[in-house]
Amino acid sequence: MGAFWVREPFAGVLSAGSHGSTYGGSPLACAVGLKVLEVIERERLADKARQTGEFLISELSALAAKFPQVINQVRGLGMMIGIELSDKIPAFAGSEKSAAVQFVHRLHEAGLLAIPAGARIIRILPALNLPRDDAAQGLRIIESVAAKLSS
């Protein structure tokens, strides 16, 4: 199941029936979509994601202040978080790979899943139902990687 939202002046580009898919509107996809929305509402996942996202952004911003030679800034909305790395991290000098790729590789080795989103941006996009303890564990991993790179 999929959807998209278009604002003016592009709303008239596609008319009803001009965009479709093989499985669009299937009863199974619709039933699953409704169940997902039910779980999101019942478990208040939007509120939890907002709170956990604020916690993560606040803690990551503290890491940026603690390790400015590694983390330049943190930005995000809810659970969509970007960590901008400093432009010159000595441990990454001389490599053909971007700082983001190298940092992400170290995060993976330490047990945290993240992806590069540019040459110096790390993207973290955890599940909406991420428990606070797991968020804290991820922060400890990021801190340990940043600490090793800052020394």
Foldseek 3Di string as FASTA:
>chain_A
DDDDDDDPPCPPVDDPPRDDDPCPPPPVVVVVVVVVVVCCVVVVLVVLQQVLCVVLQVLVQVLCVVQVQFWVHKDDGRQWIKTFTDPDQPVCPPDPAAPQVVLQVQLVVLPDHWHADDRGIIIGRDDSPDDSVNSVVSSVSSSVSSVVSRD
